[in-house]
Amino acid sequence: AKFSFVEMRSIEECANALNMDGIPFMGNELKIKRPEKYTGPVTQFLPWREFLAARQAMEKSKSPVLRLGNLIEPDELKDDVSYQAVVDDITEECSQYGEVVSVEVPRSDDGMGYAFVN
């Protein structure tokens, strides 16, 4: 059996390395573990197969909505004519890269300055 010891610079790097436990490498699965007598802080991690499954699930649940920020000044949304001009400009620009189903530009404080393109 071949083995090696690796020391990480941070707890986060260690957790990231532990996520690779079970990753295929040159026809074998790497075993990445903490020492048996480890007494330091314990961090959350997933073995490679679970990490990969979680990552793939995340990829499947990606939103088709694009959020554009720092794009609109509040005074551009005060009247309906200016608001529609903003929506039309965003639609025209984004249409260069694919079909635009809808453009939402919030006028409330919660979403002010953002545009959501689907």
Foldseek 3Di string as FASTA:
>chain_A
DDDDDDDDPDPVVLQVVQQQAQPDDPNGGHHRDDDPPDDDDDDDHHHPVVVVVVVVVVVVPDDPKDKDFQADDLVQCPDPVSVVVVQVVVCVVCVVVHHWPGKDADNDPVRHGMIITD
